[in-house]
Amino acid sequence: MAGGEDAEQLFAVSLSGSALGCAGASLVVAEWTDPGGDPRSPRFIAPLHIHHEDDEAWYVLTGELVVRSDDRDHRLGAGGAVLVPRGVAHTYWNPTAAPSTYLLVMTRRIQALIGALHALEQPDESTVAAVFEEHAGSYLGWP
């Protein structure tokens, strides 16, 4: 995922590469781009996981994303969106070789989780699982 996790702003002329949010806000909106890869072998952007207390949503600006919610894959093109409610196992990936740009709408806790995961120098299964637990989530592994 591209950066922007530390941005603290109420207004963004351009959201690309940053996040829109502030300390008092409960939601953060981030624009990220995935470069794409081999469509025959998905490169998951996030492991399969659950947020026990937080909802999360994606809105595709360009390209495509697949968001797996429980056992259902939602293939989204530009203009497509999906909301994954708290308590539902999910992951996502770009199913094409072309780049995909999307908005991720998340809570401050999910933003902090992503930041903590990106800060891990040598992540292993137990360290990643502990970070998810610290942020009211469960790590279920890579599909």
N, C-alpha and C. Protein backbone atom coordinates (compact mmCIF):
# COMPACT_ATOMS: atom_id res chain seq x y z
N MET A 1 0.83 -1.17 0.00
CA MET A 1 0.00 0.00 0.00
C MET A 1 0.88 1.24 0.00
N ALA A 2 0.40 2.22 -0.66
CA ALA A 2 1.13 3.48 -0.67
C ALA A 2 0.86 4.24 0.62
N GLY A 3 1.70 5.21 0.92
CA GLY A 3 1.73 5.91 2.19
C GLY A 3 0.53 6.76 2.52
N GLY A 4 0.78 7.71 3.43
CA GLY A 4 -0.25 8.61 3.85
C GLY A 4 -0.82 8.29 5.22
N GLU A 5 -0.34 7.24 5.90
CA GLU A 5 -0.92 6.84 7.16
C GLU A 5 -0.75 7.89 8.24
N ASP A 6 0.28 8.74 8.17
CA ASP A 6 0.55 9.69 9.24
C ASP A 6 -0.03 11.07 8.98
N ALA A 7 -0.66 11.27 7.87
CA ALA A 7 -1.18 12.60 7.54
C ALA A 7 -2.30 12.99 8.49
N GLU A 8 -2.28 14.24 8.94
CA GLU A 8 -3.33 14.79 9.79
C GLU A 8 -3.85 16.04 9.10
N GLN A 9 -4.95 15.92 8.39
CA GLN A 9 -5.48 17.07 7.69
C GLN A 9 -6.99 16.98 7.58
N LEU A 10 -7.62 18.14 7.53
CA LEU A 10 -9.06 18.22 7.39
C LEU A 10 -9.50 18.44 5.96
N PHE A 11 -8.59 18.93 5.13
CA PHE A 11 -8.90 19.23 3.74
C PHE A 11 -7.72 18.85 2.88
N ALA A 12 -7.97 18.19 1.77
CA ALA A 12 -6.89 17.80 0.87
C ALA A 12 -7.24 18.25 -0.54
N VAL A 13 -6.41 19.11 -1.12
CA VAL A 13 -6.61 19.50 -2.51
C VAL A 13 -6.42 18.28 -3.38
N SER A 14 -5.40 17.49 -3.08
CA SER A 14 -5.16 16.22 -3.75
C SER A 14 -4.98 15.16 -2.68
N LEU A 15 -5.76 14.10 -2.75
CA LEU A 15 -5.69 13.05 -1.76
C LEU A 15 -4.62 12.02 -2.11
N SER A 16 -4.17 12.02 -3.35
CA SER A 16 -3.22 11.01 -3.82
C SER A 16 -2.00 10.92 -2.92
N GLY A 17 -1.76 9.73 -2.40
CA GLY A 17 -0.59 9.49 -1.57
C GLY A 17 -0.71 10.00 -0.16
N SER A 18 -1.87 10.47 0.25
CA SER A 18 -2.04 10.97 1.60
C SER A 18 -3.35 10.45 2.17
N ALA A 19 -3.66 10.89 3.38
CA ALA A 19 -4.91 10.50 4.02
C ALA A 19 -5.62 11.75 4.50
N LEU A 20 -6.93 11.69 4.51
CA LEU A 20 -7.75 12.80 4.98
C LEU A 20 -8.34 12.39 6.31
N GLY A 21 -7.99 13.12 7.36
CA GLY A 21 -8.48 12.82 8.70
C GLY A 21 -7.82 13.74 9.69
N CYS A 22 -8.30 13.69 10.92
CA CYS A 22 -7.68 14.47 11.99
C CYS A 22 -7.89 13.72 13.29
N ALA A 23 -7.20 14.15 14.33
CA ALA A 23 -7.21 13.43 15.60
C ALA A 23 -8.61 13.23 16.16
N GLY A 24 -9.51 14.17 15.98
CA GLY A 24 -10.85 14.05 16.52
C GLY A 24 -11.82 13.28 15.64
N ALA A 25 -11.44 13.00 14.41
CA ALA A 25 -12.34 12.32 13.47
C ALA A 25 -12.34 10.82 13.72
N SER A 26 -13.48 10.19 13.49
CA SER A 26 -13.55 8.74 13.65
C SER A 26 -13.21 8.00 12.36
N LEU A 27 -13.26 8.70 11.22
CA LEU A 27 -12.95 8.09 9.93
C LEU A 27 -11.74 8.73 9.28
N VAL A 28 -11.05 7.94 8.48
CA VAL A 28 -9.93 8.39 7.68
C VAL A 28 -10.18 7.90 6.26
N VAL A 29 -9.90 8.73 5.27
CA VAL A 29 -10.01 8.35 3.86
C VAL A 29 -8.61 8.44 3.27
N ALA A 30 -8.15 7.34 2.67
CA ALA A 30 -6.83 7.32 2.05
C ALA A 30 -6.97 6.87 0.60
N GLU A 31 -6.17 7.47 -0.28
CA GLU A 31 -6.12 7.05 -1.68
C GLU A 31 -4.83 6.28 -1.88
N TRP A 32 -4.94 5.05 -2.34
CA TRP A 32 -3.78 4.20 -2.56
C TRP A 32 -3.81 3.63 -3.96
N THR A 33 -2.63 3.28 -4.45
CA THR A 33 -2.50 2.65 -5.77
C THR A 33 -1.74 1.35 -5.62
N ASP A 34 -2.27 0.31 -6.23
CA ASP A 34 -1.57 -0.97 -6.31
C ASP A 34 -1.08 -1.13 -7.74
N PRO A 35 0.19 -1.50 -7.96
CA PRO A 35 0.74 -1.56 -9.31
C PRO A 35 0.21 -2.69 -10.18
N GLY A 36 -0.44 -3.68 -9.59
CA GLY A 36 -0.91 -4.83 -10.37
C GLY A 36 0.14 -5.92 -10.38
N GLY A 37 -0.22 -7.04 -10.94
CA GLY A 37 0.70 -8.19 -10.97
C GLY A 37 0.16 -9.26 -11.88
N ASP A 38 0.59 -10.47 -11.64
CA ASP A 38 0.17 -11.61 -12.45
C ASP A 38 -1.27 -11.98 -12.10
N PRO A 39 -2.21 -11.82 -13.02
CA PRO A 39 -3.61 -12.11 -12.71
C PRO A 39 -3.87 -13.59 -12.41
N ARG A 40 -2.93 -14.48 -12.78
CA ARG A 40 -3.11 -15.91 -12.51
C ARG A 40 -2.73 -16.28 -11.08
N SER A 41 -2.01 -15.39 -10.41
CA SER A 41 -1.54 -15.65 -9.06
C SER A 41 -1.71 -14.38 -8.23
N PRO A 42 -2.83 -14.24 -7.56
CA PRO A 42 -3.10 -12.99 -6.85
C PRO A 42 -2.01 -12.63 -5.83
N ARG A 43 -1.66 -11.36 -5.81
CA ARG A 43 -0.74 -10.83 -4.80
C ARG A 43 -1.62 -10.04 -3.84
N PHE A 44 -1.94 -10.68 -2.72
CA PHE A 44 -2.85 -10.08 -1.76
C PHE A 44 -2.22 -8.82 -1.15
N ILE A 45 -3.00 -7.77 -1.02
CA ILE A 45 -2.53 -6.51 -0.45
C ILE A 45 -2.54 -6.60 1.07
N ALA A 46 -3.44 -7.37 1.60
CA ALA A 46 -3.55 -7.57 3.05
C ALA A 46 -3.82 -9.04 3.31
N PRO A 47 -3.38 -9.54 4.45
CA PRO A 47 -3.72 -10.92 4.79
C PRO A 47 -5.21 -11.04 5.12
N LEU A 48 -5.69 -12.25 5.18
CA LEU A 48 -7.05 -12.48 5.63
C LEU A 48 -7.11 -12.10 7.11
N HIS A 49 -8.10 -11.27 7.47
CA HIS A 49 -8.16 -10.77 8.84
C HIS A 49 -9.58 -10.32 9.18
N ILE A 50 -9.78 -10.05 10.46
CA ILE A 50 -11.07 -9.57 10.96
C ILE A 50 -10.81 -8.33 11.82
N HIS A 51 -11.64 -7.31 11.66
CA HIS A 51 -11.69 -6.18 12.58
C HIS A 51 -12.93 -6.42 13.44
N HIS A 52 -12.73 -6.63 14.73
CA HIS A 52 -13.85 -6.97 15.60
C HIS A 52 -14.74 -5.79 15.97
N GLU A 53 -14.20 -4.57 15.86
CA GLU A 53 -14.98 -3.39 16.28
C GLU A 53 -15.06 -2.30 15.22
N ASP A 54 -14.55 -2.55 14.01
CA ASP A 54 -14.47 -1.50 13.00
C ASP A 54 -14.93 -1.99 11.64
N ASP A 55 -15.67 -1.11 10.93
CA ASP A 55 -16.07 -1.36 9.55
C ASP A 55 -14.99 -0.78 8.63
N GLU A 56 -14.95 -1.26 7.38
CA GLU A 56 -13.97 -0.79 6.40
C GLU A 56 -14.62 -0.81 5.02
N ALA A 57 -14.26 0.17 4.18
CA ALA A 57 -14.87 0.24 2.85
C ALA A 57 -13.84 0.62 1.80
N TRP A 58 -14.08 0.17 0.56
CA TRP A 58 -13.23 0.47 -0.59
C TRP A 58 -14.10 1.09 -1.68
N TYR A 59 -13.52 2.06 -2.39
CA TYR A 59 -14.15 2.67 -3.56
C TYR A 59 -13.08 2.74 -4.65
N VAL A 60 -13.31 2.07 -5.76
CA VAL A 60 -12.32 1.98 -6.82
C VAL A 60 -12.42 3.20 -7.74
N LEU A 61 -11.29 3.88 -7.92
CA LEU A 61 -11.22 5.04 -8.80
C LEU A 61 -10.82 4.64 -10.22
N THR A 62 -9.77 3.81 -10.34
CA THR A 62 -9.31 3.31 -11.64
C THR A 62 -8.89 1.86 -11.49
N GLY A 63 -8.97 1.11 -12.56
CA GLY A 63 -8.57 -0.29 -12.52
C GLY A 63 -9.61 -1.15 -11.83
N GLU A 64 -9.12 -2.22 -11.17
CA GLU A 64 -10.02 -3.16 -10.51
C GLU A 64 -9.45 -3.61 -9.18
N LEU A 65 -10.32 -4.03 -8.30
CA LEU A 65 -9.96 -4.69 -7.05
C LEU A 65 -10.91 -5.85 -6.85
N VAL A 66 -10.45 -6.87 -6.15
CA VAL A 66 -11.32 -7.91 -5.63
C VAL A 66 -11.24 -7.81 -4.12
N VAL A 67 -12.39 -7.71 -3.49
CA VAL A 67 -12.47 -7.71 -2.03
C VAL A 67 -13.18 -9.00 -1.63
N ARG A 68 -12.49 -9.84 -0.88
CA ARG A 68 -13.09 -11.06 -0.36
C ARG A 68 -13.69 -10.74 1.01
N SER A 69 -14.98 -10.99 1.14
CA SER A 69 -15.71 -10.76 2.38
C SER A 69 -16.35 -12.10 2.74
N ASP A 70 -15.91 -12.69 3.87
CA ASP A 70 -16.25 -14.06 4.22
C ASP A 70 -15.84 -14.96 3.06
N ASP A 71 -16.77 -15.67 2.45
CA ASP A 71 -16.40 -16.57 1.36
C ASP A 71 -16.81 -16.04 -0.01
N ARG A 72 -17.14 -14.75 -0.10
CA ARG A 72 -17.59 -14.16 -1.36
C ARG A 72 -16.58 -13.15 -1.88
N ASP A 73 -16.21 -13.28 -3.15
CA ASP A 73 -15.32 -12.33 -3.81
C ASP A 73 -16.14 -11.30 -4.57
N HIS A 74 -15.89 -10.02 -4.30
CA HIS A 74 -16.57 -8.92 -4.97
C HIS A 74 -15.55 -8.29 -5.93
N ARG A 75 -15.76 -8.46 -7.24
CA ARG A 75 -14.86 -7.85 -8.23
C ARG A 75 -15.40 -6.48 -8.57
N LEU A 76 -14.58 -5.46 -8.30
CA LEU A 76 -15.01 -4.08 -8.46
C LEU A 76 -14.22 -3.38 -9.54
N GLY A 77 -14.90 -2.73 -10.46
CA GLY A 77 -14.27 -1.87 -11.44
C GLY A 77 -14.39 -0.43 -10.98
N ALA A 78 -13.89 0.49 -11.79
CA ALA A 78 -13.96 1.91 -11.47
C ALA A 78 -15.40 2.29 -11.13
N GLY A 79 -15.58 2.97 -10.01
CA GLY A 79 -16.91 3.35 -9.54
C GLY A 79 -17.54 2.33 -8.62
N GLY A 80 -16.92 1.15 -8.49
CA GLY A 80 -17.45 0.10 -7.62
C GLY A 80 -17.02 0.32 -6.18
N ALA A 81 -17.86 -0.12 -5.26
CA ALA A 81 -17.56 0.04 -3.84
C ALA A 81 -18.07 -1.16 -3.07
N VAL A 82 -17.44 -1.41 -1.92
CA VAL A 82 -17.90 -2.46 -1.02
C VAL A 82 -17.60 -2.05 0.41
N LEU A 83 -18.49 -2.41 1.30
CA LEU A 83 -18.33 -2.19 2.73
C LEU A 83 -18.22 -3.55 3.40
N VAL A 84 -17.19 -3.73 4.22
CA VAL A 84 -17.06 -4.96 4.99
C VAL A 84 -17.33 -4.59 6.45
N PRO A 85 -18.42 -5.12 7.00
CA PRO A 85 -18.75 -4.79 8.38
C PRO A 85 -17.82 -5.48 9.38
N ARG A 86 -17.74 -4.90 10.55
CA ARG A 86 -16.92 -5.48 11.63
C ARG A 86 -17.33 -6.94 11.84
N GLY A 87 -16.35 -7.75 12.22
CA GLY A 87 -16.61 -9.15 12.50
C GLY A 87 -16.56 -10.07 11.30
N VAL A 88 -16.31 -9.53 10.11
CA VAL A 88 -16.30 -10.33 8.88
C VAL A 88 -14.86 -10.49 8.38
N ALA A 89 -14.46 -11.73 8.14
CA ALA A 89 -13.12 -12.01 7.60
C ALA A 89 -13.02 -11.44 6.20
N HIS A 90 -11.87 -10.79 5.89
CA HIS A 90 -11.71 -10.19 4.56
C HIS A 90 -10.25 -10.00 4.19
N THR A 91 -10.04 -9.85 2.90
CA THR A 91 -8.75 -9.50 2.30
C THR A 91 -9.07 -8.86 0.96
N TYR A 92 -8.04 -8.38 0.26
CA TYR A 92 -8.28 -7.81 -1.07
C TYR A 92 -7.02 -7.83 -1.91
N TRP A 93 -7.22 -7.72 -3.24
CA TRP A 93 -6.11 -7.73 -4.18
C TRP A 93 -6.53 -7.10 -5.50
N ASN A 94 -5.52 -6.74 -6.28
CA ASN A 94 -5.72 -6.24 -7.64
C ASN A 94 -5.66 -7.47 -8.55
N PRO A 95 -6.73 -7.80 -9.26
CA PRO A 95 -6.76 -9.03 -10.06
C PRO A 95 -6.15 -8.88 -11.46
N THR A 96 -5.54 -7.74 -11.76
CA THR A 96 -5.03 -7.50 -13.11
C THR A 96 -3.56 -7.10 -13.07
N ALA A 97 -2.97 -7.03 -14.25
CA ALA A 97 -1.58 -6.57 -14.37
C ALA A 97 -1.50 -5.04 -14.40
N ALA A 98 -2.63 -4.38 -14.55
CA ALA A 98 -2.67 -2.91 -14.61
C ALA A 98 -2.82 -2.32 -13.21
N PRO A 99 -2.35 -1.09 -13.03
CA PRO A 99 -2.52 -0.44 -11.72
C PRO A 99 -3.99 -0.23 -11.36
N SER A 100 -4.23 -0.17 -10.07
CA SER A 100 -5.56 0.12 -9.54
C SER A 100 -5.42 1.20 -8.48
N THR A 101 -6.24 2.23 -8.57
CA THR A 101 -6.24 3.29 -7.57
C THR A 101 -7.59 3.26 -6.88
N TYR A 102 -7.56 3.36 -5.56
CA TYR A 102 -8.79 3.21 -4.80
C TYR A 102 -8.74 4.05 -3.53
N LEU A 103 -9.93 4.33 -3.01
CA LEU A 103 -10.06 4.97 -1.71
C LEU A 103 -10.33 3.88 -0.68
N LEU A 104 -9.64 3.96 0.43
CA LEU A 104 -9.89 3.09 1.57
C LEU A 104 -10.47 3.97 2.67
N VAL A 105 -11.68 3.65 3.08
CA VAL A 105 -12.35 4.39 4.15
C VAL A 105 -12.28 3.50 5.39
N MET A 106 -11.61 4.03 6.42
CA MET A 106 -11.32 3.21 7.60
C MET A 106 -11.44 4.04 8.87
N THR A 107 -11.42 3.35 9.98
CA THR A 107 -11.41 4.03 11.27
C THR A 107 -9.97 4.41 11.63
N ARG A 108 -9.83 5.25 12.64
CA ARG A 108 -8.49 5.62 13.13
C ARG A 108 -7.75 4.38 13.62
N ARG A 109 -8.46 3.42 14.22
CA ARG A 109 -7.82 2.20 14.72
C ARG A 109 -7.24 1.37 13.56
N ILE A 110 -7.98 1.27 12.45
CA ILE A 110 -7.45 0.53 11.30
C ILE A 110 -6.24 1.26 10.73
N GLN A 111 -6.30 2.58 10.67
CA GLN A 111 -5.15 3.35 10.20
C GLN A 111 -3.94 3.09 11.09
N ALA A 112 -4.14 3.05 12.40
CA ALA A 112 -3.04 2.76 13.33
C ALA A 112 -2.52 1.33 13.14
N LEU A 113 -3.41 0.40 12.89
CA LEU A 113 -3.02 -0.99 12.62
C LEU A 113 -2.12 -1.07 11.40
N ILE A 114 -2.54 -0.43 10.32
CA ILE A 114 -1.75 -0.44 9.09
C ILE A 114 -0.38 0.18 9.33
N GLY A 115 -0.34 1.29 10.05
CA GLY A 115 0.93 1.93 10.37
C GLY A 115 1.83 1.01 11.19
N ALA A 116 1.26 0.32 12.17
CA ALA A 116 2.04 -0.60 13.00
C ALA A 116 2.57 -1.78 12.19
N LEU A 117 1.76 -2.29 11.27
CA LEU A 117 2.21 -3.40 10.42
C LEU A 117 3.35 -2.96 9.51
N HIS A 118 3.22 -1.77 8.93
CA HIS A 118 4.27 -1.25 8.04
C HIS A 118 5.56 -0.95 8.80
N ALA A 119 5.48 -0.70 10.10
CA ALA A 119 6.65 -0.38 10.91
C ALA A 119 7.43 -1.63 11.34
N LEU A 120 6.84 -2.80 11.18
CA LEU A 120 7.53 -4.03 11.57
C LEU A 120 8.75 -4.24 10.68
N GLU A 121 9.91 -4.43 11.29
CA GLU A 121 11.13 -4.62 10.52
C GLU A 121 11.22 -6.01 9.91
N GLN A 122 10.94 -7.02 10.70
CA GLN A 122 10.98 -8.40 10.20
C GLN A 122 9.73 -9.12 10.70
N PRO A 123 8.61 -8.89 10.03
CA PRO A 123 7.37 -9.48 10.51
C PRO A 123 7.36 -11.00 10.38
N ASP A 124 6.87 -11.67 11.40
CA ASP A 124 6.61 -13.10 11.33
C ASP A 124 5.17 -13.32 11.77
N GLU A 125 4.69 -14.54 11.64
CA GLU A 125 3.27 -14.83 11.92
C GLU A 125 2.85 -14.36 13.32
N SER A 126 3.66 -14.64 14.33
CA SER A 126 3.26 -14.30 15.70
C SER A 126 3.29 -12.79 15.94
N THR A 127 4.25 -12.09 15.35
CA THR A 127 4.33 -10.63 15.51
C THR A 127 3.14 -9.97 14.83
N VAL A 128 2.83 -10.40 13.63
CA VAL A 128 1.69 -9.83 12.89
C VAL A 128 0.40 -10.11 13.65
N ALA A 129 0.23 -11.32 14.15
CA ALA A 129 -0.97 -11.67 14.92
C ALA A 129 -1.10 -10.78 16.16
N ALA A 130 0.02 -10.52 16.84
CA ALA A 130 0.00 -9.67 18.03
C ALA A 130 -0.41 -8.24 17.68
N VAL A 131 0.07 -7.72 16.56
CA VAL A 131 -0.31 -6.36 16.14
C VAL A 131 -1.80 -6.30 15.86
N PHE A 132 -2.34 -7.30 15.18
CA PHE A 132 -3.79 -7.32 14.94
C PHE A 132 -4.56 -7.34 16.26
N GLU A 133 -4.13 -8.17 17.21
CA GLU A 133 -4.81 -8.25 18.51
C GLU A 133 -4.76 -6.91 19.25
N GLU A 134 -3.63 -6.20 19.17
CA GLU A 134 -3.50 -4.90 19.82
C GLU A 134 -4.46 -3.86 19.25
N HIS A 135 -4.96 -4.12 18.04
CA HIS A 135 -5.85 -3.18 17.36
C HIS A 135 -7.25 -3.77 17.15
N ALA A 136 -7.67 -4.61 18.10
CA ALA A 136 -9.02 -5.21 18.09
C ALA A 136 -9.30 -6.00 16.81
N GLY A 137 -8.31 -6.78 16.39
CA GLY A 137 -8.47 -7.58 15.19
C GLY A 137 -7.90 -8.97 15.37
N SER A 138 -8.10 -9.79 14.35
CA SER A 138 -7.54 -11.14 14.31
C SER A 138 -6.87 -11.37 12.96
N TYR A 139 -5.65 -11.86 13.00
CA TYR A 139 -4.90 -12.23 11.81
C TYR A 139 -5.22 -13.68 11.50
N LEU A 140 -5.66 -13.96 10.27
CA LEU A 140 -6.05 -15.31 9.88
C LEU A 140 -5.08 -15.94 8.88
N GLY A 141 -4.01 -15.23 8.51
CA GLY A 141 -3.02 -15.77 7.60
C GLY A 141 -3.22 -15.30 6.16
N TRP A 142 -2.27 -15.69 5.33
CA TRP A 142 -2.35 -15.33 3.91
C TRP A 142 -3.09 -16.42 3.16
N PRO A 143 -4.06 -16.03 2.34
CA PRO A 143 -4.84 -17.05 1.57
C PRO A 143 -3.95 -17.87 0.66
